[in-house]
């Protein structure tokens, strides 16, 4: 794994299908993520491959929106999306583990994203990439802990 990829896992005392229903409902992401404030599906869309949604993020210094497309929607197994048509890939995978479910959240800054950041931020692109990388690495464990609390009824 490179510095531009990260994943972390947590064991959740919940059925994989029930847990999948939570993580594939992007409208709930604002409840769990330290940076994402809200997500909403395009009119008529839902958690199926090819569906689009918008996310609103806030890092304390600025607020911005992203456009994402679902790239994996395999109930009880995997839910994933790409931001800006392939700049970043986020996802959740689920695996049975000792009577529970291992929930893994993953993040990868893709080559198109590196190129896109250089086009968007110019000389400040590398600084922005470091900021986004740090946010993902710090945010994933927080998000997983919050999803676990929700799934386990806490």
N, C-alpha and C. Protein backbone atom coordinates (compact mmCIF):
# COMPACT_ATOMS: atom_id res chain seq x y z
N UNK A 1 0.84 -1.18 0.00
CA UNK A 1 0.00 0.00 0.00
C UNK A 1 0.89 1.25 0.00
N UNK A 2 0.55 2.18 -0.86
CA UNK A 2 1.32 3.42 -0.94
C UNK A 2 0.80 4.41 0.08
N UNK A 3 1.45 5.55 0.18
CA UNK A 3 1.01 6.60 1.09
C UNK A 3 -0.32 7.21 0.66
N UNK A 4 -0.70 7.00 -0.58
CA UNK A 4 -1.95 7.55 -1.09
C UNK A 4 -3.09 6.54 -1.04
N UNK A 5 -2.92 5.50 -0.22
CA UNK A 5 -3.96 4.51 0.02
C UNK A 5 -3.99 4.23 1.51
N UNK A 6 -5.18 3.94 2.01
CA UNK A 6 -5.30 3.64 3.43
C UNK A 6 -6.57 2.84 3.65
N UNK A 7 -6.51 1.92 4.58
CA UNK A 7 -7.72 1.22 5.01
C UNK A 7 -7.57 0.86 6.47
N UNK A 8 -8.70 0.68 7.11
CA UNK A 8 -8.74 0.25 8.50
C UNK A 8 -10.01 -0.57 8.66
N UNK A 9 -10.03 -1.41 9.70
CA UNK A 9 -11.15 -2.31 9.92
C UNK A 9 -11.60 -2.29 11.36
N UNK A 10 -12.84 -2.72 11.56
CA UNK A 10 -13.41 -2.87 12.90
C UNK A 10 -14.35 -4.07 12.86
N UNK A 11 -14.39 -4.81 13.96
CA UNK A 11 -15.37 -5.89 14.09
C UNK A 11 -16.68 -5.30 14.60
N UNK A 12 -17.76 -5.65 13.94
CA UNK A 12 -19.07 -5.12 14.30
C UNK A 12 -20.00 -6.30 14.60
N UNK A 13 -20.66 -6.24 15.71
CA UNK A 13 -21.61 -7.28 16.10
C UNK A 13 -22.93 -7.02 15.38
N UNK A 14 -22.92 -7.32 14.08
CA UNK A 14 -24.10 -7.12 13.24
C UNK A 14 -23.99 -8.02 12.02
N UNK A 15 -25.12 -8.38 11.49
CA UNK A 15 -25.20 -9.16 10.27
C UNK A 15 -24.65 -8.34 9.09
N UNK A 16 -23.95 -9.01 8.19
CA UNK A 16 -23.33 -8.31 7.05
C UNK A 16 -24.37 -7.59 6.19
N UNK A 17 -25.53 -8.18 5.99
CA UNK A 17 -26.55 -7.53 5.17
C UNK A 17 -27.10 -6.27 5.84
N UNK A 18 -27.31 -6.35 7.16
CA UNK A 18 -27.80 -5.17 7.89
C UNK A 18 -26.74 -4.08 7.90
N UNK A 19 -25.50 -4.46 8.06
CA UNK A 19 -24.40 -3.49 8.06
C UNK A 19 -24.24 -2.88 6.68
N UNK A 20 -24.38 -3.69 5.64
CA UNK A 20 -24.32 -3.18 4.27
C UNK A 20 -25.41 -2.14 4.04
N UNK A 21 -26.61 -2.41 4.56
CA UNK A 21 -27.71 -1.45 4.40
C UNK A 21 -27.35 -0.10 5.01
N UNK A 22 -26.62 -0.12 6.11
CA UNK A 22 -26.17 1.15 6.72
C UNK A 22 -25.17 1.86 5.83
N UNK A 23 -24.08 1.18 5.47
CA UNK A 23 -22.98 1.87 4.77
C UNK A 23 -23.33 2.23 3.33
N UNK A 24 -24.31 1.55 2.76
CA UNK A 24 -24.70 1.89 1.38
C UNK A 24 -25.74 3.01 1.35
N UNK A 25 -26.19 3.45 2.51
CA UNK A 25 -27.11 4.58 2.59
C UNK A 25 -26.28 5.85 2.78
N UNK A 26 -25.81 6.41 1.67
CA UNK A 26 -24.91 7.56 1.75
C UNK A 26 -25.54 8.76 2.44
N UNK A 27 -26.85 8.78 2.54
CA UNK A 27 -27.51 9.92 3.21
C UNK A 27 -27.20 9.93 4.71
N UNK A 28 -26.62 8.85 5.24
CA UNK A 28 -26.27 8.78 6.66
C UNK A 28 -24.80 9.11 6.93
N UNK A 29 -24.02 9.27 5.89
CA UNK A 29 -22.57 9.47 6.07
C UNK A 29 -22.26 10.68 6.95
N UNK A 30 -23.06 11.73 6.87
CA UNK A 30 -22.85 12.91 7.70
C UNK A 30 -22.97 12.63 9.19
N UNK A 31 -23.64 11.54 9.57
CA UNK A 31 -23.76 11.15 10.98
C UNK A 31 -22.45 10.59 11.53
N UNK A 32 -21.62 10.05 10.65
CA UNK A 32 -20.46 9.27 11.09
C UNK A 32 -19.11 9.91 10.77
N UNK A 33 -19.01 10.59 9.66
CA UNK A 33 -17.73 11.10 9.19
C UNK A 33 -17.36 12.42 9.88
N UNK A 34 -16.10 12.60 10.24
CA UNK A 34 -15.70 13.87 10.83
C UNK A 34 -15.61 15.02 9.82
N UNK A 35 -15.65 14.71 8.52
CA UNK A 35 -15.51 15.76 7.52
C UNK A 35 -16.73 15.87 6.60
N UNK A 36 -17.34 14.77 6.28
CA UNK A 36 -18.54 14.79 5.44
C UNK A 36 -19.72 15.26 6.29
N UNK A 37 -20.42 16.26 5.83
CA UNK A 37 -21.57 16.78 6.58
C UNK A 37 -22.89 16.24 6.08
N UNK A 38 -22.97 15.90 4.78
CA UNK A 38 -24.21 15.39 4.21
C UNK A 38 -23.94 14.80 2.84
N UNK A 39 -24.78 13.84 2.46
CA UNK A 39 -24.77 13.29 1.10
C UNK A 39 -26.22 13.12 0.67
N UNK A 40 -26.45 13.24 -0.62
CA UNK A 40 -27.78 13.01 -1.15
C UNK A 40 -27.66 12.43 -2.55
N UNK A 41 -28.60 11.51 -2.82
CA UNK A 41 -28.65 10.85 -4.12
C UNK A 41 -29.23 11.78 -5.17
N UNK A 42 -28.82 11.59 -6.42
CA UNK A 42 -29.53 12.24 -7.52
C UNK A 42 -30.98 11.76 -7.50
N UNK A 43 -31.88 12.55 -8.02
CA UNK A 43 -33.29 12.20 -8.05
C UNK A 43 -33.48 10.79 -8.61
N UNK A 44 -34.14 9.94 -7.84
CA UNK A 44 -34.44 8.58 -8.28
C UNK A 44 -33.30 7.59 -8.13
N UNK A 45 -32.14 8.04 -7.68
CA UNK A 45 -30.97 7.14 -7.57
C UNK A 45 -30.93 6.48 -6.20
N UNK A 46 -30.13 5.45 -6.11
CA UNK A 46 -29.93 4.73 -4.86
C UNK A 46 -28.65 3.92 -4.96
N UNK A 47 -28.42 3.03 -4.03
CA UNK A 47 -27.13 2.32 -3.95
C UNK A 47 -26.97 1.21 -5.00
N UNK A 48 -26.88 1.64 -6.26
CA UNK A 48 -26.64 0.69 -7.36
C UNK A 48 -25.46 1.20 -8.20
N UNK A 49 -24.77 0.27 -8.83
CA UNK A 49 -23.63 0.65 -9.66
C UNK A 49 -24.09 1.63 -10.73
N UNK A 50 -23.34 2.72 -10.87
CA UNK A 50 -23.65 3.76 -11.84
C UNK A 50 -24.43 4.93 -11.27
N UNK A 51 -25.01 4.78 -10.09
CA UNK A 51 -25.79 5.86 -9.48
C UNK A 51 -24.86 6.97 -9.00
N UNK A 52 -25.36 8.20 -9.04
CA UNK A 52 -24.59 9.38 -8.62
C UNK A 52 -25.17 9.98 -7.34
N UNK A 53 -24.27 10.56 -6.55
CA UNK A 53 -24.69 11.33 -5.38
C UNK A 53 -23.72 12.48 -5.17
N UNK A 54 -24.17 13.45 -4.39
CA UNK A 54 -23.36 14.62 -4.06
C UNK A 54 -23.06 14.57 -2.57
N UNK A 55 -21.85 14.98 -2.21
CA UNK A 55 -21.47 15.05 -0.81
C UNK A 55 -21.02 16.46 -0.46
N UNK A 56 -21.38 16.90 0.73
CA UNK A 56 -20.93 18.21 1.22
C UNK A 56 -19.95 17.95 2.37
N UNK A 57 -18.77 18.55 2.25
CA UNK A 57 -17.70 18.36 3.22
C UNK A 57 -17.31 19.69 3.85
N UNK A 58 -16.79 19.60 5.07
CA UNK A 58 -16.33 20.79 5.78
C UNK A 58 -15.15 20.37 6.65
N UNK A 59 -14.00 21.00 6.45
CA UNK A 59 -12.81 20.65 7.24
C UNK A 59 -12.49 21.69 8.31
N UNK A 60 -13.42 22.59 8.54
CA UNK A 60 -13.21 23.64 9.54
C UNK A 60 -12.66 24.92 8.96
N UNK A 61 -12.09 24.84 7.76
CA UNK A 61 -11.58 26.03 7.10
C UNK A 61 -12.34 26.36 5.82
N UNK A 62 -12.97 25.35 5.26
CA UNK A 62 -13.75 25.58 4.04
C UNK A 62 -14.79 24.48 3.88
N UNK A 63 -15.81 24.76 3.07
CA UNK A 63 -16.85 23.81 2.75
C UNK A 63 -16.84 23.60 1.24
N UNK A 64 -17.03 22.36 0.80
CA UNK A 64 -17.05 22.07 -0.63
C UNK A 64 -17.92 20.85 -0.89
N UNK A 65 -18.35 20.73 -2.15
CA UNK A 65 -19.16 19.60 -2.55
C UNK A 65 -18.41 18.76 -3.56
N UNK A 66 -18.70 17.45 -3.54
CA UNK A 66 -18.10 16.51 -4.48
C UNK A 66 -19.21 15.75 -5.19
N UNK A 67 -18.88 15.25 -6.34
CA UNK A 67 -19.81 14.44 -7.14
C UNK A 67 -19.23 13.04 -7.20
N UNK A 68 -20.03 12.04 -6.82
CA UNK A 68 -19.53 10.67 -6.75
C UNK A 68 -20.44 9.72 -7.53
N UNK A 69 -19.81 8.61 -8.00
CA UNK A 69 -20.52 7.57 -8.75
C UNK A 69 -20.24 6.23 -8.08
N UNK A 70 -21.28 5.47 -7.83
CA UNK A 70 -21.14 4.14 -7.23
C UNK A 70 -20.47 3.20 -8.24
N UNK A 71 -19.42 2.50 -7.79
CA UNK A 71 -18.70 1.57 -8.66
C UNK A 71 -18.79 0.13 -8.17
N UNK A 72 -19.26 -0.09 -6.95
CA UNK A 72 -19.46 -1.45 -6.44
C UNK A 72 -20.65 -1.41 -5.49
N UNK A 73 -21.58 -2.35 -5.70
CA UNK A 73 -22.77 -2.44 -4.85
C UNK A 73 -23.18 -3.90 -4.77
N UNK A 74 -22.45 -4.65 -3.96
CA UNK A 74 -22.66 -6.09 -3.80
C UNK A 74 -23.14 -6.33 -2.38
N UNK A 75 -24.44 -6.47 -2.20
CA UNK A 75 -25.07 -6.53 -0.89
C UNK A 75 -24.38 -7.52 0.05
N UNK A 76 -24.05 -7.03 1.23
CA UNK A 76 -23.40 -7.84 2.24
C UNK A 76 -21.92 -8.04 2.03
N UNK A 77 -21.37 -7.47 0.94
CA UNK A 77 -19.96 -7.70 0.63
C UNK A 77 -19.14 -6.43 0.39
N UNK A 78 -19.64 -5.54 -0.50
CA UNK A 78 -18.86 -4.35 -0.84
C UNK A 78 -19.75 -3.24 -1.36
N UNK A 79 -19.42 -2.01 -0.93
CA UNK A 79 -20.05 -0.80 -1.46
C UNK A 79 -18.94 0.22 -1.65
N UNK A 80 -18.80 0.77 -2.86
CA UNK A 80 -17.71 1.71 -3.14
C UNK A 80 -18.13 2.73 -4.18
N UNK A 81 -17.42 3.87 -4.17
CA UNK A 81 -17.69 4.94 -5.11
C UNK A 81 -16.40 5.66 -5.47
N UNK A 82 -16.44 6.35 -6.61
CA UNK A 82 -15.33 7.21 -7.01
C UNK A 82 -15.82 8.65 -7.02
N UNK A 83 -14.93 9.55 -6.64
CA UNK A 83 -15.21 10.98 -6.59
C UNK A 83 -14.64 11.62 -7.84
N UNK A 84 -15.39 12.55 -8.43
CA UNK A 84 -14.94 13.29 -9.62
C UNK A 84 -14.50 12.36 -10.74
N UNK A 85 -15.31 11.34 -10.98
CA UNK A 85 -15.05 10.39 -12.07
C UNK A 85 -13.65 9.78 -12.00
N UNK A 86 -13.23 9.44 -10.80
CA UNK A 86 -12.00 8.67 -10.68
C UNK A 86 -10.83 9.37 -10.02
N UNK A 87 -11.07 10.46 -9.31
CA UNK A 87 -9.97 11.12 -8.60
C UNK A 87 -9.61 10.37 -7.34
N UNK A 88 -10.64 9.93 -6.61
CA UNK A 88 -10.45 9.22 -5.34
C UNK A 88 -11.46 8.08 -5.30
N UNK A 89 -11.04 6.94 -4.72
CA UNK A 89 -11.97 5.82 -4.53
C UNK A 89 -12.13 5.58 -3.03
N UNK A 90 -13.39 5.55 -2.60
CA UNK A 90 -13.75 5.24 -1.22
C UNK A 90 -14.59 3.97 -1.24
N UNK A 91 -14.52 3.17 -0.19
CA UNK A 91 -15.37 2.00 -0.16
C UNK A 91 -15.39 1.29 1.17
N UNK A 92 -16.36 0.42 1.29
CA UNK A 92 -16.52 -0.44 2.45
C UNK A 92 -16.57 -1.87 1.96
N UNK A 93 -15.84 -2.75 2.63
CA UNK A 93 -15.98 -4.18 2.37
C UNK A 93 -16.38 -4.85 3.68
N UNK A 94 -17.12 -5.95 3.55
CA UNK A 94 -17.66 -6.66 4.71
C UNK A 94 -17.30 -8.13 4.60
N UNK A 95 -16.81 -8.69 5.70
CA UNK A 95 -16.45 -10.10 5.72
C UNK A 95 -16.90 -10.71 7.05
N UNK A 96 -17.46 -11.93 6.99
CA UNK A 96 -17.81 -12.61 8.24
C UNK A 96 -16.54 -12.84 9.07
N UNK A 97 -16.66 -12.68 10.39
CA UNK A 97 -15.50 -12.87 11.27
C UNK A 97 -15.97 -13.22 12.68
N UNK A 98 -15.78 -14.48 13.05
CA UNK A 98 -16.08 -14.91 14.42
C UNK A 98 -17.47 -14.52 14.91
N UNK A 99 -18.47 -14.76 14.10
CA UNK A 99 -19.84 -14.44 14.49
C UNK A 99 -20.22 -12.98 14.35
N UNK A 100 -19.29 -12.18 13.89
CA UNK A 100 -19.53 -10.75 13.67
C UNK A 100 -19.23 -10.44 12.20
N UNK A 101 -19.09 -9.18 11.88
CA UNK A 101 -18.71 -8.77 10.53
C UNK A 101 -17.52 -7.83 10.63
N UNK A 102 -16.48 -8.13 9.85
CA UNK A 102 -15.34 -7.22 9.77
C UNK A 102 -15.68 -6.18 8.71
N UNK A 103 -15.80 -4.92 9.14
CA UNK A 103 -16.08 -3.80 8.24
C UNK A 103 -14.77 -3.08 7.98
N UNK A 104 -14.41 -2.99 6.72
CA UNK A 104 -13.18 -2.30 6.32
C UNK A 104 -13.55 -1.10 5.46
N UNK A 105 -13.03 0.05 5.82
CA UNK A 105 -13.19 1.24 4.98
C UNK A 105 -11.86 1.50 4.30
N UNK A 106 -11.91 1.76 3.01
CA UNK A 106 -10.68 2.01 2.25
C UNK A 106 -10.80 3.30 1.47
N UNK A 107 -9.62 3.85 1.20
CA UNK A 107 -9.51 5.12 0.49
C UNK A 107 -8.26 5.05 -0.37
N UNK A 108 -8.34 5.56 -1.60
CA UNK A 108 -7.18 5.63 -2.49
C UNK A 108 -7.25 6.89 -3.33
N UNK A 109 -6.16 7.64 -3.31
CA UNK A 109 -6.02 8.82 -4.16
C UNK A 109 -5.47 8.31 -5.49
N UNK A 110 -6.25 8.39 -6.54
CA UNK A 110 -5.92 7.78 -7.82
C UNK A 110 -5.10 8.72 -8.71
N UNK A 111 -4.40 8.17 -9.72
CA UNK A 111 -3.59 9.01 -10.61
C UNK A 111 -4.37 10.17 -11.23
N UNK A 112 -5.63 9.95 -11.61
CA UNK A 112 -6.43 11.04 -12.18
C UNK A 112 -6.63 12.16 -11.15
N UNK A 113 -6.70 11.79 -9.88
CA UNK A 113 -6.84 12.79 -8.83
C UNK A 113 -5.58 13.61 -8.64
N UNK A 114 -4.45 12.96 -8.72
CA UNK A 114 -3.17 13.68 -8.62
C UNK A 114 -3.08 14.70 -9.75
N UNK A 115 -3.38 14.24 -10.95
CA UNK A 115 -3.37 15.14 -12.11
C UNK A 115 -4.39 16.26 -11.95
N UNK A 116 -5.59 15.90 -11.49
CA UNK A 116 -6.65 16.89 -11.31
C UNK A 116 -6.29 17.93 -10.26
N UNK A 117 -5.65 17.49 -9.17
CA UNK A 117 -5.24 18.43 -8.13
C UNK A 117 -4.17 19.38 -8.65
N UNK A 118 -3.28 18.88 -9.48
CA UNK A 118 -2.26 19.77 -10.06
C UNK A 118 -2.91 20.81 -10.98
N UNK A 119 -3.94 20.39 -11.71
CA UNK A 119 -4.65 21.34 -12.55
C UNK A 119 -5.45 22.35 -11.74
N UNK A 120 -6.04 21.90 -10.65
CA UNK A 120 -6.90 22.76 -9.84
C UNK A 120 -6.11 23.67 -8.91
N UNK A 121 -5.07 23.14 -8.27
CA UNK A 121 -4.36 23.87 -7.22
C UNK A 121 -2.96 24.35 -7.62
N UNK A 122 -2.49 23.98 -8.81
CA UNK A 122 -1.19 24.44 -9.28
C UNK A 122 -0.06 24.12 -8.31
N UNK A 123 0.70 25.13 -7.93
CA UNK A 123 1.86 24.96 -7.06
C UNK A 123 1.48 24.47 -5.66
N UNK A 124 0.21 24.61 -5.29
CA UNK A 124 -0.23 24.16 -3.96
C UNK A 124 -0.83 22.75 -3.99
N UNK A 125 -0.74 22.07 -5.13
CA UNK A 125 -1.35 20.74 -5.26
C UNK A 125 -0.78 19.74 -4.26
N UNK A 126 0.54 19.67 -4.15
CA UNK A 126 1.13 18.68 -3.24
C UNK A 126 0.71 18.94 -1.80
N UNK A 127 0.62 20.20 -1.41
CA UNK A 127 0.17 20.56 -0.06
C UNK A 127 -1.27 20.10 0.15
N UNK A 128 -2.13 20.31 -0.85
CA UNK A 128 -3.53 19.90 -0.76
C UNK A 128 -3.67 18.38 -0.71
N UNK A 129 -2.82 17.68 -1.44
CA UNK A 129 -2.84 16.21 -1.42
C UNK A 129 -2.46 15.70 -0.04
N UNK A 130 -1.48 16.31 0.59
CA UNK A 130 -1.08 15.93 1.95
C UNK A 130 -2.23 16.18 2.92
N UNK A 131 -2.91 17.30 2.79
CA UNK A 131 -4.04 17.63 3.66
C UNK A 131 -5.14 16.59 3.51
N UNK A 132 -5.49 16.23 2.28
CA UNK A 132 -6.56 15.26 2.04
C UNK A 132 -6.16 13.86 2.51
N UNK A 133 -4.90 13.53 2.33
CA UNK A 133 -4.40 12.22 2.79
C UNK A 133 -4.49 12.13 4.30
N UNK A 134 -4.05 13.15 4.99
CA UNK A 134 -4.11 13.18 6.45
C UNK A 134 -5.57 13.07 6.92
N UNK A 135 -6.46 13.80 6.27
CA UNK A 135 -7.87 13.77 6.66
C UNK A 135 -8.46 12.36 6.50
N UNK A 136 -8.11 11.68 5.43
CA UNK A 136 -8.61 10.32 5.23
C UNK A 136 -8.06 9.37 6.29
N UNK A 137 -6.78 9.45 6.54
CA UNK A 137 -6.14 8.54 7.50
C UNK A 137 -6.64 8.78 8.92
N UNK A 138 -6.93 10.02 9.26
CA UNK A 138 -7.44 10.32 10.60
C UNK A 138 -8.95 10.07 10.69
N UNK A 139 -9.66 10.27 9.59
CA UNK A 139 -11.11 10.17 9.60
C UNK A 139 -11.66 8.76 9.52
N UNK A 140 -10.98 7.88 8.82
CA UNK A 140 -11.50 6.52 8.65
C UNK A 140 -11.73 5.81 9.99
N UNK A 141 -10.78 5.80 10.92
CA UNK A 141 -11.06 5.13 12.20
C UNK A 141 -12.23 5.77 12.97
N UNK A 142 -12.37 7.07 12.87
CA UNK A 142 -13.48 7.77 13.53
C UNK A 142 -14.81 7.34 12.89
N UNK A 143 -14.84 7.30 11.58
CA UNK A 143 -16.05 6.89 10.86
C UNK A 143 -16.43 5.45 11.20
N UNK A 144 -15.44 4.56 11.19
CA UNK A 144 -15.72 3.16 11.51
C UNK A 144 -16.27 3.01 12.93
N UNK A 145 -15.70 3.71 13.88
CA UNK A 145 -16.18 3.64 15.27
C UNK A 145 -17.62 4.12 15.37
N UNK A 146 -17.96 5.17 14.63
CA UNK A 146 -19.32 5.71 14.67
C UNK A 146 -20.31 4.74 14.01
N UNK A 147 -19.92 4.12 12.92
CA UNK A 147 -20.79 3.14 12.26
C UNK A 147 -21.01 1.95 13.20
N UNK A 148 -19.95 1.50 13.85
CA UNK A 148 -20.05 0.39 14.80
C UNK A 148 -21.06 0.73 15.92
N UNK A 149 -20.96 1.92 16.48
CA UNK A 149 -21.91 2.34 17.53
C UNK A 149 -23.35 2.30 17.02
N UNK A 150 -23.56 2.82 15.83
CA UNK A 150 -24.90 2.83 15.25
C UNK A 150 -25.41 1.41 15.02
N UNK A 151 -24.57 0.58 14.41
CA UNK A 151 -24.98 -0.80 14.07
C UNK A 151 -25.25 -1.64 15.31
N UNK A 152 -24.52 -1.38 16.37
CA UNK A 152 -24.69 -2.16 17.60
C UNK A 152 -25.69 -1.54 18.55
N UNK A 153 -26.34 -0.46 18.09
CA UNK A 153 -27.39 0.14 18.88
C UNK A 153 -26.91 1.06 19.99
N UNK A 154 -25.66 1.54 19.85
CA UNK A 154 -25.10 2.39 20.91
C UNK A 154 -25.19 3.78 20.64
